N, C-alpha and C. Protein backbone atom coordinates (compact mmCIF):
# COMPACT_ATOMS: atom_id res chain seq x y z
N MET A 1 12.27 32.61 -35.24
CA MET A 1 13.54 32.80 -35.90
C MET A 1 13.29 33.51 -37.22
N PRO A 2 14.00 34.60 -37.47
CA PRO A 2 13.78 35.33 -38.71
C PRO A 2 14.25 34.52 -39.91
N LEU A 3 13.61 34.79 -41.01
CA LEU A 3 13.96 34.14 -42.27
C LEU A 3 14.61 35.17 -43.16
N LEU A 4 15.77 34.86 -43.72
CA LEU A 4 16.47 35.79 -44.59
C LEU A 4 15.98 35.56 -46.01
N ILE A 5 15.44 36.62 -46.61
CA ILE A 5 14.97 36.57 -47.99
C ILE A 5 15.95 37.37 -48.84
N MET A 6 16.53 36.73 -49.81
CA MET A 6 17.46 37.42 -50.71
C MET A 6 16.70 37.82 -51.97
N LYS A 7 16.72 39.10 -52.25
CA LYS A 7 16.07 39.59 -53.46
C LYS A 7 17.05 39.42 -54.63
N PRO A 8 16.62 38.83 -55.73
CA PRO A 8 17.54 38.57 -56.84
C PRO A 8 18.18 39.84 -57.39
N GLU A 9 17.46 40.95 -57.41
CA GLU A 9 18.01 42.16 -58.02
C GLU A 9 19.11 42.80 -57.19
N ASN A 10 19.14 42.54 -55.90
CA ASN A 10 20.21 43.08 -55.05
C ASN A 10 20.52 42.07 -53.95
N ALA A 11 21.30 41.10 -54.27
CA ALA A 11 21.58 39.99 -53.36
C ALA A 11 22.60 40.37 -52.30
N THR A 12 22.37 41.48 -51.62
CA THR A 12 23.26 41.89 -50.54
C THR A 12 22.64 41.49 -49.22
N ALA A 13 23.35 40.66 -48.48
CA ALA A 13 22.83 40.17 -47.20
C ALA A 13 22.94 41.26 -46.15
N GLY A 14 22.09 41.17 -45.15
CA GLY A 14 22.19 42.05 -44.01
C GLY A 14 21.29 43.26 -44.05
N ARG A 15 20.61 43.52 -45.14
CA ARG A 15 19.71 44.66 -45.19
C ARG A 15 18.48 44.36 -44.36
N GLU A 16 18.05 45.32 -43.55
CA GLU A 16 16.93 45.10 -42.65
C GLU A 16 15.65 44.75 -43.38
N ASP A 17 15.42 45.36 -44.55
CA ASP A 17 14.15 45.07 -45.25
C ASP A 17 14.18 43.70 -45.92
N ASP A 18 15.33 43.02 -45.94
CA ASP A 18 15.41 41.68 -46.51
C ASP A 18 15.09 40.61 -45.47
N VAL A 19 15.11 40.96 -44.20
CA VAL A 19 14.86 40.00 -43.13
C VAL A 19 13.43 40.16 -42.66
N ILE A 20 12.66 39.10 -42.80
CA ILE A 20 11.28 39.13 -42.32
C ILE A 20 11.03 37.92 -41.46
N SER A 21 10.11 38.03 -40.55
CA SER A 21 9.78 36.90 -39.70
C SER A 21 8.85 35.96 -40.44
N SER A 22 8.77 34.73 -39.93
CA SER A 22 7.87 33.77 -40.56
C SER A 22 6.42 34.23 -40.44
N GLN A 23 6.08 34.95 -39.36
CA GLN A 23 4.72 35.47 -39.19
C GLN A 23 4.42 36.49 -40.28
N GLN A 24 5.36 37.37 -40.57
CA GLN A 24 5.15 38.35 -41.63
C GLN A 24 5.01 37.65 -42.98
N ARG A 25 5.81 36.61 -43.20
CA ARG A 25 5.75 35.88 -44.46
C ARG A 25 4.37 35.24 -44.63
N ARG A 26 3.84 34.66 -43.54
CA ARG A 26 2.50 34.04 -43.62
C ARG A 26 1.44 35.07 -43.92
N SER A 27 1.57 36.27 -43.30
CA SER A 27 0.55 37.29 -43.54
C SER A 27 0.62 37.80 -44.97
N LYS A 28 1.81 37.79 -45.57
CA LYS A 28 1.94 38.20 -46.96
C LYS A 28 1.46 37.12 -47.92
N HIS A 29 1.50 35.86 -47.45
CA HIS A 29 1.10 34.73 -48.29
C HIS A 29 0.07 33.88 -47.53
N PRO A 30 -1.17 34.37 -47.41
CA PRO A 30 -2.16 33.66 -46.61
C PRO A 30 -2.47 32.26 -47.12
N SER A 31 -2.21 31.98 -48.39
CA SER A 31 -2.49 30.65 -48.91
C SER A 31 -1.58 29.60 -48.28
N THR A 32 -0.43 30.03 -47.70
CA THR A 32 0.48 29.09 -47.07
C THR A 32 0.29 29.03 -45.56
N SER A 33 -0.72 29.73 -45.05
CA SER A 33 -0.90 29.73 -43.60
C SER A 33 -1.39 28.37 -43.14
N ASN A 34 -1.00 28.03 -41.93
CA ASN A 34 -1.34 26.76 -41.32
C ASN A 34 -1.91 27.07 -39.95
N ILE A 35 -3.08 26.54 -39.64
CA ILE A 35 -3.72 26.87 -38.37
C ILE A 35 -2.91 26.35 -37.18
N HIS A 36 -2.01 25.38 -37.40
CA HIS A 36 -1.24 24.82 -36.30
C HIS A 36 0.10 25.53 -36.07
N ILE A 37 0.51 26.41 -36.98
CA ILE A 37 1.75 27.13 -36.79
C ILE A 37 1.59 28.07 -35.61
N GLY A 38 2.51 27.96 -34.68
CA GLY A 38 2.46 28.80 -33.49
C GLY A 38 1.77 28.12 -32.32
N SER A 39 1.06 27.03 -32.57
CA SER A 39 0.43 26.32 -31.47
C SER A 39 1.41 25.28 -30.94
N CYS A 40 1.13 24.75 -29.77
CA CYS A 40 2.04 23.75 -29.22
C CYS A 40 1.57 22.35 -29.60
N LEU A 41 2.46 21.40 -29.45
CA LEU A 41 2.17 20.02 -29.82
C LEU A 41 0.99 19.48 -29.01
N ASP A 42 0.91 19.87 -27.72
CA ASP A 42 -0.21 19.41 -26.89
C ASP A 42 -1.55 19.81 -27.49
N ASP A 43 -1.63 21.04 -28.03
CA ASP A 43 -2.88 21.49 -28.64
C ASP A 43 -3.24 20.63 -29.84
N LEU A 44 -2.25 20.32 -30.66
CA LEU A 44 -2.48 19.48 -31.84
C LEU A 44 -2.94 18.08 -31.45
N LEU A 45 -2.26 17.49 -30.45
CA LEU A 45 -2.61 16.14 -30.01
C LEU A 45 -3.98 16.12 -29.35
N GLU A 46 -4.31 17.18 -28.62
CA GLU A 46 -5.63 17.25 -27.99
C GLU A 46 -6.73 17.34 -29.05
N ALA A 47 -6.49 18.15 -30.06
CA ALA A 47 -7.46 18.27 -31.15
C ALA A 47 -7.62 16.94 -31.89
N ASP A 48 -6.53 16.20 -31.95
CA ASP A 48 -6.52 14.91 -32.63
C ASP A 48 -7.13 13.81 -31.74
N GLY A 49 -7.25 14.09 -30.44
CA GLY A 49 -7.81 13.11 -29.51
C GLY A 49 -6.80 12.09 -29.01
N THR A 50 -5.50 12.37 -29.17
CA THR A 50 -4.48 11.41 -28.77
C THR A 50 -3.57 11.90 -27.66
N LEU A 51 -3.84 13.06 -27.08
CA LEU A 51 -2.97 13.63 -26.06
C LEU A 51 -2.79 12.70 -24.86
N GLN A 52 -3.87 12.19 -24.32
CA GLN A 52 -3.80 11.32 -23.13
C GLN A 52 -2.96 10.08 -23.41
N GLU A 53 -3.19 9.46 -24.55
CA GLU A 53 -2.44 8.25 -24.92
C GLU A 53 -0.94 8.55 -25.06
N VAL A 54 -0.63 9.64 -25.71
CA VAL A 54 0.77 10.02 -25.91
C VAL A 54 1.44 10.31 -24.56
N GLN A 55 0.74 10.98 -23.66
CA GLN A 55 1.30 11.28 -22.34
C GLN A 55 1.57 9.99 -21.56
N GLU A 56 0.68 9.01 -21.68
CA GLU A 56 0.88 7.73 -20.99
C GLU A 56 2.10 7.00 -21.53
N VAL A 57 2.24 6.98 -22.85
CA VAL A 57 3.39 6.31 -23.48
C VAL A 57 4.69 7.00 -23.07
N VAL A 58 4.69 8.33 -23.07
CA VAL A 58 5.89 9.08 -22.70
C VAL A 58 6.25 8.81 -21.24
N ALA A 59 5.26 8.80 -20.35
CA ALA A 59 5.53 8.54 -18.94
C ALA A 59 6.16 7.16 -18.75
N LYS A 60 5.64 6.15 -19.44
CA LYS A 60 6.19 4.80 -19.35
C LYS A 60 7.61 4.76 -19.89
N ARG A 61 7.84 5.41 -21.00
CA ARG A 61 9.19 5.43 -21.58
C ARG A 61 10.20 6.11 -20.66
N VAL A 62 9.78 7.20 -20.05
CA VAL A 62 10.67 7.91 -19.13
C VAL A 62 10.99 7.02 -17.93
N LEU A 63 9.99 6.35 -17.37
CA LEU A 63 10.22 5.46 -16.24
C LEU A 63 11.16 4.32 -16.62
N ALA A 64 10.92 3.70 -17.76
CA ALA A 64 11.77 2.59 -18.21
C ALA A 64 13.21 3.05 -18.37
N GLU A 65 13.41 4.20 -18.98
CA GLU A 65 14.76 4.72 -19.17
C GLU A 65 15.43 5.06 -17.84
N ARG A 66 14.67 5.64 -16.92
CA ARG A 66 15.23 5.98 -15.59
C ARG A 66 15.66 4.72 -14.86
N ILE A 67 14.85 3.66 -14.95
CA ILE A 67 15.20 2.40 -14.29
C ILE A 67 16.45 1.81 -14.93
N LYS A 68 16.51 1.81 -16.26
CA LYS A 68 17.71 1.30 -16.96
C LYS A 68 18.95 2.08 -16.54
N GLN A 69 18.84 3.40 -16.50
CA GLN A 69 19.98 4.23 -16.12
C GLN A 69 20.44 3.94 -14.69
N GLU A 70 19.48 3.79 -13.80
CA GLU A 70 19.81 3.53 -12.40
C GLU A 70 20.43 2.14 -12.24
N MET A 71 19.92 1.17 -12.99
CA MET A 71 20.51 -0.18 -12.96
C MET A 71 21.97 -0.11 -13.43
N ALA A 72 22.22 0.62 -14.49
CA ALA A 72 23.58 0.75 -15.01
C ALA A 72 24.48 1.46 -14.00
N ALA A 73 23.98 2.53 -13.40
CA ALA A 73 24.76 3.29 -12.44
C ALA A 73 25.13 2.44 -11.22
N GLN A 74 24.20 1.59 -10.80
CA GLN A 74 24.43 0.74 -9.64
C GLN A 74 25.03 -0.61 -10.03
N LYS A 75 25.26 -0.81 -11.32
CA LYS A 75 25.82 -2.06 -11.85
C LYS A 75 24.99 -3.28 -11.44
N VAL A 76 23.68 -3.15 -11.61
CA VAL A 76 22.75 -4.24 -11.30
C VAL A 76 22.36 -4.91 -12.62
N SER A 77 22.61 -6.20 -12.74
CA SER A 77 22.26 -6.93 -13.96
C SER A 77 20.76 -7.18 -13.99
N LYS A 78 20.28 -7.52 -15.17
CA LYS A 78 18.84 -7.83 -15.30
C LYS A 78 18.47 -9.04 -14.46
N SER A 79 19.33 -10.06 -14.45
CA SER A 79 19.05 -11.26 -13.66
C SER A 79 18.98 -10.94 -12.18
N ALA A 80 19.95 -10.16 -11.69
CA ALA A 80 19.95 -9.80 -10.27
C ALA A 80 18.74 -8.93 -9.94
N MET A 81 18.40 -8.02 -10.83
CA MET A 81 17.25 -7.14 -10.62
C MET A 81 15.97 -7.96 -10.52
N ALA A 82 15.75 -8.85 -11.46
CA ALA A 82 14.55 -9.69 -11.46
C ALA A 82 14.49 -10.53 -10.19
N ASN A 83 15.62 -11.09 -9.80
CA ASN A 83 15.68 -11.93 -8.60
C ASN A 83 15.32 -11.11 -7.36
N GLN A 84 15.90 -9.92 -7.22
CA GLN A 84 15.61 -9.08 -6.06
C GLN A 84 14.17 -8.56 -6.05
N MET A 85 13.58 -8.42 -7.25
CA MET A 85 12.18 -7.98 -7.34
C MET A 85 11.23 -9.13 -7.06
N GLY A 86 11.74 -10.36 -7.10
CA GLY A 86 10.88 -11.54 -6.93
C GLY A 86 9.99 -11.76 -8.13
N THR A 87 10.54 -11.48 -9.30
CA THR A 87 9.77 -11.61 -10.54
C THR A 87 10.63 -12.33 -11.58
N SER A 88 10.04 -12.58 -12.71
CA SER A 88 10.76 -13.26 -13.78
C SER A 88 11.56 -12.25 -14.60
N ARG A 89 12.54 -12.77 -15.30
CA ARG A 89 13.33 -11.92 -16.21
C ARG A 89 12.43 -11.38 -17.31
N ALA A 90 11.45 -12.18 -17.77
CA ALA A 90 10.52 -11.72 -18.81
C ALA A 90 9.69 -10.54 -18.32
N SER A 91 9.27 -10.58 -17.06
CA SER A 91 8.50 -9.48 -16.49
C SER A 91 9.36 -8.21 -16.42
N LEU A 92 10.62 -8.37 -16.03
CA LEU A 92 11.52 -7.23 -15.99
C LEU A 92 11.75 -6.68 -17.40
N ASP A 93 11.90 -7.56 -18.38
CA ASP A 93 12.07 -7.11 -19.76
C ASP A 93 10.87 -6.31 -20.24
N ARG A 94 9.67 -6.70 -19.85
CA ARG A 94 8.46 -5.93 -20.20
C ARG A 94 8.51 -4.55 -19.56
N LEU A 95 8.97 -4.51 -18.31
CA LEU A 95 9.10 -3.22 -17.61
C LEU A 95 10.10 -2.31 -18.32
N LEU A 96 11.20 -2.86 -18.76
CA LEU A 96 12.26 -2.07 -19.40
C LEU A 96 12.00 -1.79 -20.86
N ASP A 97 11.01 -2.45 -21.44
CA ASP A 97 10.66 -2.23 -22.85
C ASP A 97 9.88 -0.92 -22.95
N THR A 98 10.49 0.08 -23.59
CA THR A 98 9.87 1.40 -23.67
C THR A 98 8.60 1.41 -24.52
N ASN A 99 8.40 0.38 -25.33
CA ASN A 99 7.19 0.33 -26.16
C ASN A 99 6.06 -0.45 -25.52
N ASN A 100 6.33 -1.14 -24.42
CA ASN A 100 5.31 -1.94 -23.74
C ASN A 100 4.69 -1.09 -22.63
N THR A 101 3.43 -0.73 -22.80
CA THR A 101 2.76 0.13 -21.81
C THR A 101 1.89 -0.66 -20.84
N SER A 102 1.93 -1.99 -20.91
CA SER A 102 1.05 -2.80 -20.06
C SER A 102 1.74 -3.26 -18.78
N VAL A 103 2.44 -2.36 -18.12
CA VAL A 103 3.12 -2.67 -16.87
C VAL A 103 2.33 -2.04 -15.74
N ASN A 104 2.17 -2.79 -14.64
CA ASN A 104 1.38 -2.23 -13.55
C ASN A 104 2.26 -1.48 -12.54
N LEU A 105 1.64 -0.68 -11.72
CA LEU A 105 2.35 0.15 -10.75
C LEU A 105 3.11 -0.68 -9.73
N LYS A 106 2.59 -1.84 -9.38
CA LYS A 106 3.25 -2.69 -8.39
C LYS A 106 4.63 -3.11 -8.88
N THR A 107 4.73 -3.46 -10.15
CA THR A 107 6.01 -3.88 -10.73
C THR A 107 6.99 -2.71 -10.75
N ILE A 108 6.50 -1.53 -11.14
CA ILE A 108 7.37 -0.34 -11.17
C ILE A 108 7.84 0.00 -9.75
N ALA A 109 6.95 -0.09 -8.78
CA ALA A 109 7.30 0.21 -7.38
C ALA A 109 8.33 -0.79 -6.86
N LYS A 110 8.20 -2.06 -7.23
CA LYS A 110 9.20 -3.07 -6.82
C LYS A 110 10.57 -2.72 -7.37
N ALA A 111 10.62 -2.34 -8.63
CA ALA A 111 11.89 -1.98 -9.26
C ALA A 111 12.50 -0.78 -8.55
N ALA A 112 11.69 0.19 -8.23
CA ALA A 112 12.18 1.38 -7.53
C ALA A 112 12.77 1.01 -6.18
N ARG A 113 12.06 0.16 -5.42
CA ARG A 113 12.55 -0.25 -4.09
C ARG A 113 13.88 -0.98 -4.18
N VAL A 114 14.02 -1.87 -5.15
CA VAL A 114 15.28 -2.61 -5.31
C VAL A 114 16.43 -1.64 -5.56
N LEU A 115 16.15 -0.56 -6.26
CA LEU A 115 17.18 0.43 -6.59
C LEU A 115 17.33 1.51 -5.52
N GLY A 116 16.64 1.33 -4.38
CA GLY A 116 16.74 2.31 -3.30
C GLY A 116 15.97 3.58 -3.57
N LYS A 117 14.95 3.48 -4.38
CA LYS A 117 14.13 4.63 -4.75
C LYS A 117 12.68 4.35 -4.35
N TYR A 118 11.83 5.33 -4.55
CA TYR A 118 10.39 5.11 -4.41
C TYR A 118 9.69 5.76 -5.58
N LEU A 119 8.51 5.28 -5.88
CA LEU A 119 7.72 5.78 -7.00
C LEU A 119 6.81 6.89 -6.50
N ALA A 120 6.90 8.05 -7.12
CA ALA A 120 6.06 9.19 -6.77
C ALA A 120 5.10 9.46 -7.91
N ILE A 121 3.81 9.48 -7.60
CA ILE A 121 2.78 9.71 -8.61
C ILE A 121 1.90 10.84 -8.12
N ASP A 122 1.42 11.66 -9.04
CA ASP A 122 0.61 12.80 -8.66
C ASP A 122 -0.56 12.93 -9.62
N LEU A 123 -1.64 13.52 -9.16
CA LEU A 123 -2.77 13.87 -10.02
C LEU A 123 -2.65 15.35 -10.36
N VAL A 124 -2.73 15.67 -11.64
CA VAL A 124 -2.57 17.03 -12.11
C VAL A 124 -3.81 17.42 -12.90
N ASP A 125 -4.30 18.64 -12.68
CA ASP A 125 -5.46 19.12 -13.44
C ASP A 125 -5.15 19.12 -14.92
N THR A 126 -6.12 18.69 -15.72
CA THR A 126 -5.93 18.72 -17.16
C THR A 126 -5.99 20.14 -17.68
N ASP A 127 -6.66 21.02 -16.96
CA ASP A 127 -6.73 22.43 -17.32
C ASP A 127 -6.01 23.21 -16.23
N PRO A 128 -4.80 23.69 -16.50
CA PRO A 128 -4.03 24.38 -15.46
C PRO A 128 -4.66 25.69 -14.99
N THR A 129 -5.68 26.19 -15.68
CA THR A 129 -6.31 27.43 -15.25
C THR A 129 -7.36 27.19 -14.17
N LEU A 130 -7.66 25.90 -13.89
CA LEU A 130 -8.64 25.60 -12.85
C LEU A 130 -8.07 25.97 -11.48
N VAL A 131 -8.86 26.66 -10.68
CA VAL A 131 -8.45 27.03 -9.34
C VAL A 131 -9.44 26.42 -8.37
N HIS A 132 -8.92 25.78 -7.34
CA HIS A 132 -9.79 25.13 -6.35
C HIS A 132 -9.97 26.00 -5.16
């Protein structure tokens, strides 16, 4: 996204030489350059060593939210859901807690079955450039 720079001596907007990109601004001011500008969040997290952990937390949160949404759409209460899963309400609460990552696949699969769904899991290469 271009950045509009207004020159104090001629504060007229819209002049082409007044509009510069953030890349041009960084090249003009190398002291403000940041090695992470232009990179993606995955690159930053990988460099930090937390990418795998963040992906696991996100996957759990997405699953918990999908289950909550489906329960609401089907008008299934937590008590009825836990009963149909053959588990405790506390166990269901752990499953639906987006911050609790200690839920096993069996519990998630049970919830999916009760809701008329199935759990699909896949293995994906960590390096998408790998060709088999």
